[in-house]
Structures are given as C-alpha cells and as structure tokens.
C-alpha cells in the first residue's frame, strides 16, 4: 500500500489551531485567541532506570514529566499582548524601588493557575483535538526585539509550565 493511497484519510494541518487562556483573575479568551502565531503541543517524557538482574539489564520507566510549551503571539497596537502577559506574570504594579522592604517583595511573582487550551481543527473547521494544560502558569516572557531594517511583525514569546495535560479528540 502506497503512502496516502487511501483517499478517505485526511491529514491535519499545522495552521488550523486556536489557543485560549483562562485563569481565576481574568479570561483572555476573546482577546488573544487569534493572535497566537505558533505553539508547541504538549510533550511527555520519562527517564529510564536500569536494573541489573544477575547477567541481564532490565529497563523500567520512571515518573512521567510534562515539558513546558512555548507560544508566540503577535503584538498589536489595539490589544497589547506585552502588557497583558506582564500583568499576568506580576500580581502588582510595584517595582523594586516601591517595595518598602529591605528584604524585597515577598510575593513578586505568584502562581496564578490558568488553563491553557490548544484546539486543532480539520479542513472544514471542526474540532479534532483539544489539549487542556492544567495548572498552567507563565514561566517566562520574551518581549521580542526591535530592528529598523525589518518589516517583520512584533512577537511576544511566552513559555508556559503546567502540571499535566489532558487530550480529547472527536
């Protein structure tokens, strides 16, 4: 049987996806769903433990670990992706010179638990897979760079860490 000889099988395209982010403080669903340029899907890995039994080596998996995902957003003048993720990362607008404590700010960064959802669609716009990242929070933000010699779009790269992921398919 040759590759793609069955005309009933349709491959999913990388370009048909939507990202939503919801947390306790706010919902970013309506504002940034279509500003995501690219994203990683969740990856799961495990370490391998080797045990020697007389003259054989046996391998066993250890505890599974979910790796962080990176999402690239396009920054716009009307909806500031930079400002929104900055506010999601820091719970207050207090800067180090405003903390008033010699030891520093006790809660400069908090884990504002969010649910990040990545939905992939088929060619007719029907949902085919839905990843939910449970306990997600912003791990890092790269606000991009500026360059006079470029007409590229301004990007904001956000890395999300999360506890685990669930997938549902239709």
C-alpha atoms as a PDB file:
ATOM      1  CA  UNK A   1       0.000   0.000   0.000  1.00  0.00           C
ATOM      2  CA  UNK A   2       1.495   3.333  -1.064  1.00  0.00           C
ATOM      3  CA  UNK A   3       1.652   6.397   1.120  1.00  0.00           C
ATOM      4  CA  UNK A   4      -1.678   8.305   1.051  1.00  0.00           C
ATOM      5  CA  UNK A   5      -3.304   5.879  -1.351  1.00  0.00           C
ATOM      6  CA  UNK A   6      -6.488   5.859   0.759  1.00  0.00           C
ATOM      7  CA  UNK A   7      -8.481   8.964  -0.204  1.00  0.00           C
ATOM      8  CA  UNK A   8     -10.643   8.795   2.937  1.00  0.00           C
ATOM      9  CA  UNK A   9      -7.742   9.731   5.213  1.00  0.00           C
ATOM     10  CA  UNK A  10      -7.205  13.452   5.714  1.00  0.00           C
ATOM     11  CA  UNK A  11      -4.077  14.745   7.467  1.00  0.00           C
ATOM     12  CA  UNK A  12      -4.475  17.547   9.982  1.00  0.00           C
ATOM     13  CA  UNK A  13      -2.798  20.828   9.082  1.00  0.00           C
ATOM     14  CA  UNK A  14      -0.459  22.671  11.449  1.00  0.00           C
ATOM     15  CA  UNK A  15      -2.062  26.022  10.609  1.00  0.00           C
ATOM     16  CA  UNK A  16      -5.564  25.267  11.921  1.00  0.00           C
ATOM     17  CA  UNK A  17      -5.433  25.896  15.664  1.00  0.00           C
ATOM     18  CA  UNK A  18      -6.742  28.188  18.363  1.00  0.00           C
ATOM     19  CA  UNK A  19      -5.363  28.949  21.837  1.00  0.00           C
ATOM     20  CA  UNK A  20      -7.384  30.117  24.819  1.00  0.00           C
ATOM     21  CA  UNK A  21      -6.117  31.088  28.250  1.00  0.00           C
ATOM     22  CA  UNK A  22      -8.374  31.268  31.274  1.00  0.00           C
ATOM     23  CA  UNK A  23      -7.433  31.916  34.878  1.00  0.00           C
ATOM     24  CA  UNK A  24      -9.046  32.931  38.145  1.00  0.00           C
ATOM     25  CA  UNK A  25      -8.280  36.630  37.731  1.00  0.00           C
ATOM     26  CA  UNK A  26      -9.324  37.128  34.106  1.00  0.00           C
ATOM     27  CA  UNK A  27     -10.256  35.442  30.892  1.00  0.00           C
ATOM     28  CA  UNK A  28      -8.081  36.141  27.887  1.00  0.00           C
ATOM     29  CA  UNK A  29     -10.268  34.029  25.628  1.00  0.00           C
ATOM     30  CA  UNK A  30     -11.792  36.734  23.436  1.00  0.00           C
ATOM     31  CA  UNK A  31      -8.761  38.989  23.275  1.00  0.00           C
ATOM     32  CA  UNK A  32      -5.881  36.772  22.185  1.00  0.00           C
ATOM     33  CA  UNK A  33      -7.280  33.629  20.592  1.00  0.00           C
ATOM     34  CA  UNK A  34      -6.323  34.650  17.072  1.00  0.00           C
ATOM     35  CA  UNK A  35      -3.078  36.459  17.929  1.00  0.00           C
ATOM     36  CA  UNK A  36      -1.149  33.232  18.507  1.00  0.00           C
ATOM     37  CA  UNK A  37       1.311  32.712  15.665  1.00  0.00           C
ATOM     38  CA  UNK A  38       2.705  29.330  16.696  1.00  0.00           C
ATOM     39  CA  UNK A  39       2.707  26.937  19.615  1.00  0.00           C
ATOM     40  CA  UNK A  40       4.211  23.692  20.785  1.00  0.00           C
ATOM     41  CA  UNK A  41       1.940  20.810  21.603  1.00  0.00           C
ATOM     42  CA  UNK A  42       2.498  19.177  24.999  1.00  0.00           C
ATOM     43  CA  UNK A  43       5.354  16.719  25.249  1.00  0.00           C
ATOM     44  CA  UNK A  44       5.639  13.939  27.764  1.00  0.00           C
ATOM     45  CA  UNK A  45       8.869  12.221  28.695  1.00  0.00           C
ATOM     46  CA  UNK A  46      10.203   9.850  31.266  1.00  0.00           C
ATOM     47  CA  UNK A  47      13.621   8.818  32.444  1.00  0.00           C
ATOM     48  CA  UNK A  48      14.708   5.217  32.126  1.00  0.00           C
ATOM     49  CA  UNK A  49      16.043   3.345  35.133  1.00  0.00           C
ATOM     50  CA  UNK A  50      18.275   0.367  34.510  1.00  0.00           C
ATOM     51  CA  UNK A  51      18.483  -2.528  36.926  1.00  0.00           C
ATOM     52  CA  UNK A  52      20.923  -5.410  36.770  1.00  0.00           C
ATOM     53  CA  UNK A  53      19.486  -8.852  37.418  1.00  0.00           C
ATOM     54  CA  UNK A  54      22.362 -11.346  37.543  1.00  0.00           C
ATOM     55  CA  UNK A  55      23.556 -11.185  33.926  1.00  0.00           C
ATOM     56  CA  UNK A  56      20.786  -9.083  32.366  1.00  0.00           C
ATOM     57  CA  UNK A  57      19.927  -5.400  32.306  1.00  0.00           C
ATOM     58  CA  UNK A  58      16.240  -4.565  32.654  1.00  0.00           C
ATOM     59  CA  UNK A  59      14.891  -1.098  31.893  1.00  0.00           C
ATOM     60  CA  UNK A  60      11.904   0.479  33.601  1.00  0.00           C
ATOM     61  CA  UNK A  61      10.275   3.875  33.093  1.00  0.00           C
ATOM     62  CA  UNK A  62      10.281   6.387  35.917  1.00  0.00           C
ATOM     63  CA  UNK A  63       7.720   9.064  36.725  1.00  0.00           C
ATOM     64  CA  UNK A  64       6.425  10.875  33.609  1.00  0.00           C
ATOM     65  CA  UNK A  65       7.220  14.579  33.245  1.00  0.00           C
ATOM     66  CA  UNK A  66       5.383  17.190  31.144  1.00  0.00           C
ATOM     67  CA  UNK A  67       7.696  19.631  29.334  1.00  0.00           C
ATOM     68  CA  UNK A  68       6.986  23.353  29.010  1.00  0.00           C
ATOM     69  CA  UNK A  69       5.368  24.748  25.877  1.00  0.00           C
ATOM     70  CA  UNK A  70       6.252  27.933  24.011  1.00  0.00           C
ATOM     71  CA  UNK A  71       3.610  30.123  22.378  1.00  0.00           C
ATOM     72  CA  UNK A  72       4.454  33.006  20.045  1.00  0.00           C
ATOM     73  CA  UNK A  73       1.919  35.824  19.967  1.00  0.00           C
ATOM     74  CA  UNK A  74       1.743  38.783  17.594  1.00  0.00           C
ATOM     75  CA  UNK A  75       1.673  42.110  19.459  1.00  0.00           C
ATOM     76  CA  UNK A  76      -0.810  44.688  18.163  1.00  0.00           C
ATOM     77  CA  UNK A  77      -1.415  48.330  18.939  1.00  0.00           C
ATOM     78  CA  UNK A  78      -5.048  47.775  19.943  1.00  0.00           C
ATOM     79  CA  UNK A  79      -4.565  44.704  22.140  1.00  0.00           C
ATOM     80  CA  UNK A  80      -1.257  44.866  23.946  1.00  0.00           C
ATOM     81  CA  UNK A  81      -0.132  41.266  24.370  1.00  0.00           C
ATOM     82  CA  UNK A  82       3.002  42.523  26.146  1.00  0.00           C
ATOM     83  CA  UNK A  83       1.063  44.428  28.789  1.00  0.00           C
ATOM     84  CA  UNK A  84      -1.469  41.651  29.360  1.00  0.00           C
ATOM     85  CA  UNK A  85       1.163  38.972  29.964  1.00  0.00           C
ATOM     86  CA  UNK A  86       3.222  41.336  32.091  1.00  0.00           C
ATOM     87  CA  UNK A  87       0.167  41.839  34.328  1.00  0.00           C
ATOM     88  CA  UNK A  88      -0.469  38.092  34.371  1.00  0.00           C
ATOM     89  CA  UNK A  89       3.137  37.494  35.464  1.00  0.00           C
ATOM     90  CA  UNK A  90       3.230  40.145  38.220  1.00  0.00           C
ATOM     91  CA  UNK A  91       0.280  40.451  40.621  1.00  0.00           C
ATOM     92  CA  UNK A  92       1.011  44.133  41.393  1.00  0.00           C
ATOM     93  CA  UNK A  93       2.491  47.149  39.652  1.00  0.00           C
ATOM     94  CA  UNK A  94       5.023  47.662  42.439  1.00  0.00           C
ATOM     95  CA  UNK A  95       8.574  47.965  41.235  1.00  0.00           C
ATOM     96  CA  UNK A  96      11.603  47.134  43.435  1.00  0.00           C
ATOM     97  CA  UNK A  97      12.085  50.773  44.476  1.00  0.00           C
ATOM     98  CA  UNK A  98       8.463  50.859  45.732  1.00  0.00           C
ATOM     99  CA  UNK A  99       8.526  47.689  47.818  1.00  0.00           C
ATOM    100  CA  UNK A 100       9.384  49.463  51.051  1.00  0.00           C
ATOM    101  CA  UNK A 101      11.037  46.362  52.470  1.00  0.00           C
ATOM    102  CA  UNK A 102      14.746  45.787  52.703  1.00  0.00           C
ATOM    103  CA  UNK A 103      14.280  42.059  52.165  1.00  0.00           C
ATOM    104  CA  UNK A 104      12.409  42.619  48.899  1.00  0.00           C
ATOM    105  CA  UNK A 105       8.882  41.939  47.807  1.00  0.00           C
ATOM    106  CA  UNK A 106       7.594  38.746  49.419  1.00  0.00           C
ATOM    107  CA  UNK A 107       5.169  37.935  46.590  1.00  0.00           C
ATOM    108  CA  UNK A 108       6.627  39.478  43.446  1.00  0.00           C
ATOM    109  CA  UNK A 109       5.651  36.511  41.321  1.00  0.00           C
ATOM    110  CA  UNK A 110       2.723  34.273  42.092  1.00  0.00           C
ATOM    111  CA  UNK A 111       1.462  31.098  40.512  1.00  0.00           C
ATOM    112  CA  UNK A 112      -1.760  32.316  39.019  1.00  0.00           C
ATOM    113  CA  UNK A 113      -3.046  28.995  37.908  1.00  0.00           C
ATOM    114  CA  UNK A 114      -4.538  29.048  34.431  1.00  0.00           C
ATOM    115  CA  UNK A 115      -5.938  26.603  31.957  1.00  0.00           C
ATOM    116  CA  UNK A 116      -4.361  26.882  28.533  1.00  0.00           C
ATOM    117  CA  UNK A 117      -6.352  25.168  25.797  1.00  0.00           C
ATOM    118  CA  UNK A 118      -4.975  24.290  22.367  1.00  0.00           C
ATOM    119  CA  UNK A 119      -7.639  23.267  19.849  1.00  0.00           C
ATOM    120  CA  UNK A 120      -6.738  21.827  16.452  1.00  0.00           C
ATOM    121  CA  UNK A 121      -9.280  21.882  13.617  1.00  0.00           C
ATOM    122  CA  UNK A 122      -9.687  19.927  10.393  1.00  0.00           C
ATOM    123  CA  UNK A 123     -10.064  21.455   6.912  1.00  0.00           C
ATOM    124  CA  UNK A 124     -13.780  22.197   7.355  1.00  0.00           C
ATOM    125  CA  UNK A 125     -13.356  23.861  10.756  1.00  0.00           C
ATOM    126  CA  UNK A 126     -14.466  21.039  13.030  1.00  0.00           C
ATOM    127  CA  UNK A 127     -12.602  20.467  16.282  1.00  0.00           C
ATOM    128  CA  UNK A 128     -10.403  17.367  16.033  1.00  0.00           C
ATOM    129  CA  UNK A 129      -8.192  17.508  19.111  1.00  0.00           C
ATOM    130  CA  UNK A 130      -8.269  19.594  22.247  1.00  0.00           C
ATOM    131  CA  UNK A 131      -5.348  19.800  24.691  1.00  0.00           C
ATOM    132  CA  UNK A 132      -6.019  21.263  28.143  1.00  0.00           C
ATOM    133  CA  UNK A 133      -2.932  22.248  30.141  1.00  0.00           C
ATOM    134  CA  UNK A 134      -3.992  22.044  33.775  1.00  0.00           C
ATOM    135  CA  UNK A 135      -2.302  24.254  36.387  1.00  0.00           C
ATOM    136  CA  UNK A 136      -0.518  26.275  33.726  1.00  0.00           C
ATOM    137  CA  UNK A 137       1.355  29.445  34.599  1.00  0.00           C
ATOM    138  CA  UNK A 138       3.666  31.831  32.806  1.00  0.00           C
ATOM    139  CA  UNK A 139       7.254  30.667  33.251  1.00  0.00           C
ATOM    140  CA  UNK A 140       8.965  33.243  31.050  1.00  0.00           C
ATOM    141  CA  UNK A 141       8.151  36.060  28.667  1.00  0.00           C
ATOM    142  CA  UNK A 142      10.362  37.259  25.835  1.00  0.00           C
ATOM    143  CA  UNK A 143       9.039  40.626  24.700  1.00  0.00           C
ATOM    144  CA  UNK A 144      10.892  40.341  21.384  1.00  0.00           C
ATOM    145  CA  UNK A 145      13.345  42.646  19.699  1.00  0.00           C
ATOM    146  CA  UNK A 146      13.280  45.772  17.563  1.00  0.00           C
ATOM    147  CA  UNK A 147      15.089  46.273  14.275  1.00  0.00           C
ATOM    148  CA  UNK A 148      14.999  49.259  11.898  1.00  0.00           C
ATOM    149  CA  UNK A 149      15.951  47.068   8.957  1.00  0.00           C
ATOM    150  CA  UNK A 150      12.992  44.688   9.303  1.00  0.00           C
ATOM    151  CA  UNK A 151       9.276  44.806   8.474  1.00  0.00           C
ATOM    152  CA  UNK A 152       8.538  41.658  10.468  1.00  0.00           C
ATOM    153  CA  UNK A 153       5.686  41.571  12.953  1.00  0.00           C
ATOM    154  CA  UNK A 154       6.464  42.203  16.606  1.00  0.00           C
ATOM    155  CA  UNK A 155       6.302  38.946  18.559  1.00  0.00           C
ATOM    156  CA  UNK A 156       5.931  38.104  22.231  1.00  0.00           C
ATOM    157  CA  UNK A 157       7.140  34.625  23.190  1.00  0.00           C
ATOM    158  CA  UNK A 158       5.533  33.125  26.292  1.00  0.00           C
ATOM    159  CA  UNK A 159       6.661  29.878  27.938  1.00  0.00           C
ATOM    160  CA  UNK A 160       4.041  28.051  29.982  1.00  0.00           C
ATOM    161  CA  UNK A 161       4.829  25.451  32.640  1.00  0.00           C
ATOM    162  CA  UNK A 162       1.982  23.196  33.706  1.00  0.00           C
ATOM    163  CA  UNK A 163       1.173  20.288  35.993  1.00  0.00           C
ATOM    164  CA  UNK A 164      -0.301  17.920  33.403  1.00  0.00           C
ATOM    165  CA  UNK A 165      -2.266  17.855  30.154  1.00  0.00           C
ATOM    166  CA  UNK A 166      -5.474  16.167  29.006  1.00  0.00           C
ATOM    167  CA  UNK A 167      -6.420  15.461  25.410  1.00  0.00           C
ATOM    168  CA  UNK A 168      -9.863  14.934  23.971  1.00  0.00           C
ATOM    169  CA  UNK A 169     -10.440  14.026  20.351  1.00  0.00           C
ATOM    170  CA  UNK A 170     -13.546  13.995  18.245  1.00  0.00           C
END
